[in-house]
Amino acid sequence: ADATGVPAPQPPVLARVAEDESLSKTDLVEVIAHCASTIASAQFRLLTAISLIHEEHEEDYGAEIGELTDGQADSPEAVREFAARGQTGDDPRAQYGPNGLERTIADVGAVLSLPPGRARELIIDAHALRYRLPKTARFLATGRIDLPRFHEVVARTDNVDDAHLTAIDTALAAAISEREPMSMTRFHTMIDATIERVDPDGAARRRETATSRRYLRIRPHRDEPGQSRIDGQIPATAAAILDTRLEAMIADAPPPPPPPPPPPPH
């Protein structure tokens, strides 16, 4: 009920759930498929909204800088200082406050309760949905693929040359349309095979990039005191060896010592 005591209307989905209890297994499978398709369509709209917000923030940021400066350097020394700061990784525009991307990350993170890194990934996916991979993105709109699979397409085409991107987008859309829904492993294989066929140089660049990004990190577990987390990216063959060795080490590790006794009462 609301503050006046009037009973609140029942959400339509609760009535549908009550009806689902009488459905057959076959009908329930169709319900699952329908829900998955609806979720994917909503994710397409979500990404579109994120992209539009990002563009508005970038326009606002550009307008704000335009009000504060005419973009002209006062002297050759100022030009050299500006260039030197850029080469060292310092953003010369930081003095004007958060840029359009940073503002969008803050908005998306706040609304969806996401850390900045995940919010940034969604913004990248949103840009690809509207501009880099619009044909593949249509299959997210129709529920043919889900957001994790679209994200994999975006990530795995990151190093594709712009000259080949439209051809790869078209080829990926055709492959998705012609095949039954695939597991994530088969989906990865399909993406990589398409890139290799259309842009072999891009596939080679992706392998080089993956090699350069190898890392292994051990850090305290944020939610479990006294525990640690391991994450990283290493070649599959090395990962298999490491996994076997770590399992053996865990099996042979002695149990942790008991906690110290409490101090005697005073």
Protein backbone atom coordinates (compact mmCIF):
# COMPACT_ATOMS: atom_id res chain seq x y z
CA ALA A 1 0.00 0.00 0.00
CA ASP A 2 1.05 3.61 -0.49
CA ALA A 3 1.21 6.35 2.16
CA THR A 4 -2.59 6.82 2.06
CA GLY A 5 -3.28 3.13 2.62
CA VAL A 6 -4.50 2.51 -0.91
CA PRO A 7 -3.29 -0.90 -2.15
CA ALA A 8 -0.56 -0.52 -4.78
CA PRO A 9 -1.33 -2.09 -8.16
CA GLN A 10 0.33 -5.44 -8.73
CA PRO A 11 3.19 -5.34 -11.26
CA PRO A 12 2.07 -7.10 -14.46
CA VAL A 13 5.06 -9.45 -14.30
CA LEU A 14 3.77 -10.97 -11.04
CA ALA A 15 0.53 -11.93 -12.72
CA ARG A 16 2.48 -13.50 -15.58
CA VAL A 17 4.64 -15.45 -13.13
CA ALA A 18 1.51 -16.84 -11.51
CA GLU A 19 0.37 -18.03 -14.93
CA ASP A 20 3.77 -19.62 -15.58
CA GLU A 21 3.23 -22.08 -12.74
CA SER A 22 0.68 -23.92 -14.86
CA LEU A 23 2.81 -24.08 -18.03
CA SER A 24 4.43 -27.19 -19.45
CA LYS A 25 8.19 -27.66 -19.66
CA THR A 26 8.11 -26.84 -23.35
CA ASP A 27 6.22 -23.62 -22.72
CA LEU A 28 8.61 -22.67 -19.91
CA VAL A 29 11.56 -23.06 -22.26
CA GLU A 30 9.86 -20.56 -24.56
CA VAL A 31 9.38 -18.22 -21.60
CA ILE A 32 13.11 -18.42 -20.88
CA ALA A 33 13.97 -17.69 -24.50
CA HIS A 34 11.55 -14.75 -24.56
CA CYS A 35 13.01 -13.29 -21.36
CA ALA A 36 16.57 -13.65 -22.67
CA SER A 37 15.58 -11.88 -25.89
CA THR A 38 13.89 -9.09 -23.95
CA ILE A 39 16.97 -8.61 -21.78
CA ALA A 40 19.22 -8.37 -24.85
CA SER A 41 16.92 -5.82 -26.47
CA ALA A 42 16.95 -3.77 -23.28
CA GLN A 43 20.75 -3.96 -23.25
CA PHE A 44 20.83 -2.61 -26.81
CA ARG A 45 18.74 0.35 -25.70
CA LEU A 46 20.93 0.80 -22.62
CA LEU A 47 24.10 0.99 -24.73
CA THR A 48 22.45 3.43 -27.12
CA ALA A 49 21.52 5.69 -24.20
CA ILE A 50 25.07 5.50 -22.85
CA SER A 51 26.50 6.52 -26.22
CA LEU A 52 24.11 9.47 -26.48
CA ILE A 53 24.97 10.62 -22.95
CA HIS A 54 28.66 10.40 -23.79
CA GLU A 55 28.21 12.56 -26.88
CA GLU A 56 26.29 15.17 -24.91
CA HIS A 57 28.98 15.28 -22.24
CA GLU A 58 31.68 15.69 -24.90
CA GLU A 59 29.73 18.57 -26.48
CA ASP A 60 29.25 20.24 -23.10
CA TYR A 61 32.93 19.82 -22.26
CA GLY A 62 34.01 21.32 -25.58
CA ALA A 63 31.64 24.24 -25.10
CA GLU A 64 32.96 24.88 -21.59
CA ILE A 65 36.57 24.90 -22.79
CA GLY A 66 35.56 27.23 -25.63
CA GLU A 67 34.18 29.69 -23.09
CA LEU A 68 37.41 29.59 -21.06
CA THR A 69 39.98 29.75 -23.86
CA ASP A 70 40.15 30.57 -27.54
CA GLY A 71 42.56 27.66 -28.12
CA GLN A 72 45.44 29.93 -29.07
CA ALA A 73 48.77 29.72 -27.25
CA ASP A 74 50.21 32.95 -25.90
CA SER A 75 53.78 32.17 -26.97
CA PRO A 76 56.01 29.48 -28.52
CA GLU A 77 57.03 28.54 -24.98
CA ALA A 78 53.41 27.80 -24.12
CA VAL A 79 53.14 25.53 -27.17
CA ARG A 80 56.26 23.62 -26.13
CA GLU A 81 55.01 23.30 -22.55
CA PHE A 82 51.65 22.01 -23.78
CA ALA A 83 53.36 19.39 -25.99
CA ALA A 84 55.76 18.33 -23.23
CA ARG A 85 52.92 17.75 -20.79
CA GLY A 86 51.13 15.60 -23.33
CA GLN A 87 54.21 13.47 -23.97
CA THR A 88 54.61 12.74 -20.25
CA GLY A 89 51.01 11.53 -19.96
CA ASP A 90 49.79 14.69 -18.24
CA ASP A 91 46.51 15.99 -19.63
CA PRO A 92 46.90 19.72 -20.32
CA ARG A 93 43.12 20.06 -20.19
CA ALA A 94 42.85 18.66 -16.66
CA GLN A 95 42.61 22.20 -15.34
CA TYR A 96 39.16 22.45 -16.92
CA GLY A 97 37.74 19.60 -14.83
CA PRO A 98 36.43 16.13 -15.80
CA ASN A 99 36.23 15.57 -19.54
CA GLY A 100 33.28 14.07 -21.38
CA LEU A 101 34.41 10.47 -20.91
CA GLU A 102 35.05 10.94 -17.20
CA ARG A 103 31.63 12.50 -16.72
CA THR A 104 29.97 9.64 -18.57
CA ILE A 105 31.87 7.08 -16.50
CA ALA A 106 30.59 8.81 -13.36
CA ASP A 107 26.98 8.81 -14.61
CA VAL A 108 26.99 5.20 -15.77
CA GLY A 109 28.78 4.01 -12.65
CA ALA A 110 26.33 5.80 -10.37
CA VAL A 111 23.18 4.62 -12.14
CA LEU A 112 24.29 1.01 -12.56
CA SER A 113 26.43 0.76 -9.38
CA LEU A 114 29.50 -0.19 -11.42
CA PRO A 115 33.21 0.46 -10.84
CA PRO A 116 34.85 2.92 -13.27
CA GLY A 117 36.56 0.18 -15.27
CA ARG A 118 33.31 -1.64 -16.03
CA ALA A 119 31.51 1.63 -16.81
CA ARG A 120 34.28 2.47 -19.28
CA GLU A 121 33.83 -0.92 -20.98
CA LEU A 122 30.14 -0.22 -21.49
CA ILE A 123 30.94 3.16 -23.05
CA ILE A 124 33.36 1.49 -25.48
CA ASP A 125 30.71 -1.12 -26.33
CA ALA A 126 28.14 1.63 -26.78
CA HIS A 127 30.36 3.50 -29.25
CA ALA A 128 30.97 0.30 -31.21
CA LEU A 129 27.25 -0.48 -31.26
CA ARG A 130 26.41 2.79 -33.01
CA TYR A 131 29.49 3.38 -35.16
CA ARG A 132 31.95 0.48 -35.48
CA LEU A 133 29.74 -2.63 -35.57
CA PRO A 134 26.15 -1.57 -36.30
CA LYS A 135 25.26 -4.69 -38.32
CA THR A 136 26.40 -7.06 -35.59
CA ALA A 137 24.70 -4.86 -32.99
CA ARG A 138 21.34 -5.47 -34.63
CA PHE A 139 21.49 -9.04 -33.39
CA LEU A 140 21.71 -7.71 -29.84
CA ALA A 141 18.65 -5.57 -30.53
CA THR A 142 16.71 -8.63 -31.66
CA GLY A 143 17.96 -10.88 -28.86
CA ARG A 144 19.93 -13.15 -31.18
CA ILE A 145 23.09 -12.53 -29.13
CA ASP A 146 23.53 -11.19 -25.60
CA LEU A 147 25.66 -8.38 -24.21
CA PRO A 148 28.60 -10.61 -23.18
CA ARG A 149 28.87 -11.91 -26.75
CA PHE A 150 28.61 -8.44 -28.24
CA HIS A 151 31.33 -7.30 -25.85
CA GLU A 152 33.55 -10.13 -27.10
CA VAL A 153 33.03 -8.96 -30.69
CA VAL A 154 34.02 -5.44 -29.68
CA ALA A 155 37.11 -6.60 -27.79
CA ARG A 156 38.29 -9.03 -30.46
CA THR A 157 37.91 -6.50 -33.28
CA ASP A 158 39.76 -3.79 -31.37
CA ASN A 159 42.88 -4.08 -33.54
CA VAL A 160 41.06 -4.42 -36.85
CA ASP A 161 42.14 -1.83 -39.39
CA ASP A 162 39.37 0.69 -40.11
CA ALA A 163 39.60 -0.16 -43.81
CA HIS A 164 38.46 -3.74 -43.03
CA LEU A 165 36.00 -3.01 -40.23
CA THR A 166 32.86 -2.73 -42.37
CA ALA A 167 33.69 -5.99 -44.16
CA ILE A 168 34.25 -7.78 -40.85
CA ASP A 169 31.05 -6.36 -39.38
CA THR A 170 29.16 -7.63 -42.44
CA ALA A 171 30.83 -11.05 -42.27
CA LEU A 172 30.14 -11.42 -38.54
CA ALA A 173 26.50 -10.48 -39.02
CA ALA A 174 26.18 -13.09 -41.76
CA ALA A 175 27.85 -15.77 -39.62
CA ILE A 176 25.56 -15.08 -36.66
CA SER A 177 22.50 -15.11 -38.91
CA GLU A 178 23.42 -18.42 -40.57
CA ARG A 179 24.24 -20.39 -37.43
CA GLU A 180 22.32 -21.68 -34.46
CA PRO A 181 23.07 -20.04 -31.10
CA MET A 182 26.64 -20.88 -30.10
CA SER A 183 28.48 -21.45 -26.86
CA MET A 184 30.92 -18.72 -25.90
CA THR A 185 33.86 -20.90 -26.93
CA ARG A 186 32.44 -21.50 -30.41
CA PHE A 187 31.50 -17.83 -30.64
CA HIS A 188 35.11 -16.85 -29.93
CA THR A 189 36.30 -19.24 -32.62
CA MET A 190 33.85 -17.79 -35.13
CA ILE A 191 34.96 -14.21 -34.43
CA ASP A 192 38.66 -15.05 -34.70
CA ALA A 193 38.18 -17.07 -37.90
CA THR A 194 36.26 -14.18 -39.48
CA ILE A 195 38.97 -11.68 -38.58
CA GLU A 196 41.68 -14.03 -39.85
CA ARG A 197 39.88 -14.41 -43.17
CA VAL A 198 39.05 -10.75 -43.76
CA ASP A 199 41.98 -9.01 -42.05
CA PRO A 200 44.87 -11.39 -41.32
CA ASP A 201 47.14 -8.48 -40.37
CA GLY A 202 44.61 -7.40 -37.75
CA ALA A 203 44.54 -10.92 -36.31
CA ALA A 204 48.32 -10.87 -36.03
CA ARG A 205 48.20 -7.49 -34.27
CA ARG A 206 45.68 -8.85 -31.82
CA ARG A 207 47.95 -11.77 -30.94
CA GLU A 208 50.86 -9.37 -30.44
CA THR A 209 48.74 -7.16 -28.21
CA ALA A 210 47.59 -10.12 -26.12
CA THR A 211 51.20 -11.18 -25.65
CA SER A 212 52.23 -7.70 -24.54
CA ARG A 213 49.41 -7.61 -21.98
CA ARG A 214 50.54 -10.68 -20.05
CA TYR A 215 50.51 -10.18 -16.30
CA LEU A 216 49.90 -12.00 -13.03
CA ARG A 217 48.72 -10.14 -9.94
CA ILE A 218 48.19 -11.25 -6.34
CA ARG A 219 46.40 -8.88 -3.99
CA PRO A 220 44.39 -8.97 -0.73
CA HIS A 221 40.78 -10.04 -1.08
CA ARG A 222 38.60 -7.01 -0.56
CA ASP A 223 35.63 -8.94 0.88
CA GLU A 224 37.35 -11.84 2.65
CA PRO A 225 39.80 -10.79 5.41
CA GLY A 226 42.89 -12.95 5.53
CA GLN A 227 42.42 -14.15 1.93
CA SER A 228 44.04 -13.10 -1.33
CA ARG A 229 42.96 -13.02 -4.97
CA ILE A 230 44.94 -13.97 -8.06
CA ASP A 231 44.14 -12.63 -11.51
CA GLY A 232 46.09 -12.26 -14.70
CA GLN A 233 46.43 -12.94 -18.40
CA ILE A 234 48.95 -15.48 -19.63
CA PRO A 235 49.18 -17.89 -22.59
CA ALA A 236 46.86 -20.89 -22.37
CA THR A 237 49.71 -23.42 -22.27
CA ALA A 238 51.43 -21.56 -19.45
CA ALA A 239 48.12 -21.25 -17.62
CA ALA A 240 47.57 -25.02 -17.73
CA ILE A 241 51.03 -25.65 -16.25
CA LEU A 242 50.55 -22.97 -13.60
CA ASP A 243 47.13 -24.37 -12.65
CA THR A 244 48.56 -27.86 -12.15
CA ARG A 245 51.42 -26.58 -10.01
CA LEU A 246 49.19 -24.36 -7.89
CA GLU A 247 46.76 -27.22 -7.25
CA ALA A 248 49.67 -29.37 -6.08
CA MET A 249 50.96 -26.59 -3.83
CA ILE A 250 47.51 -26.08 -2.31
CA ALA A 251 47.15 -29.80 -1.66
CA ASP A 252 50.54 -29.95 0.10
CA ALA A 253 50.18 -26.70 2.03
CA PRO A 254 50.01 -27.13 5.82
CA PRO A 255 46.87 -25.89 7.57
CA PRO A 256 47.01 -22.33 8.87
CA PRO A 257 48.12 -21.95 12.50
CA PRO A 258 45.33 -21.55 15.07
CA PRO A 259 44.54 -18.02 16.18
CA PRO A 260 46.33 -16.81 19.30
CA PRO A 261 44.44 -17.29 22.58
CA PRO A 262 42.61 -14.28 23.94
CA PRO A 263 44.45 -12.26 26.56
CA PRO A 264 43.69 -13.19 30.18
CA PRO A 265 41.10 -11.01 31.92
CA HIS A 266 42.42 -8.32 34.20
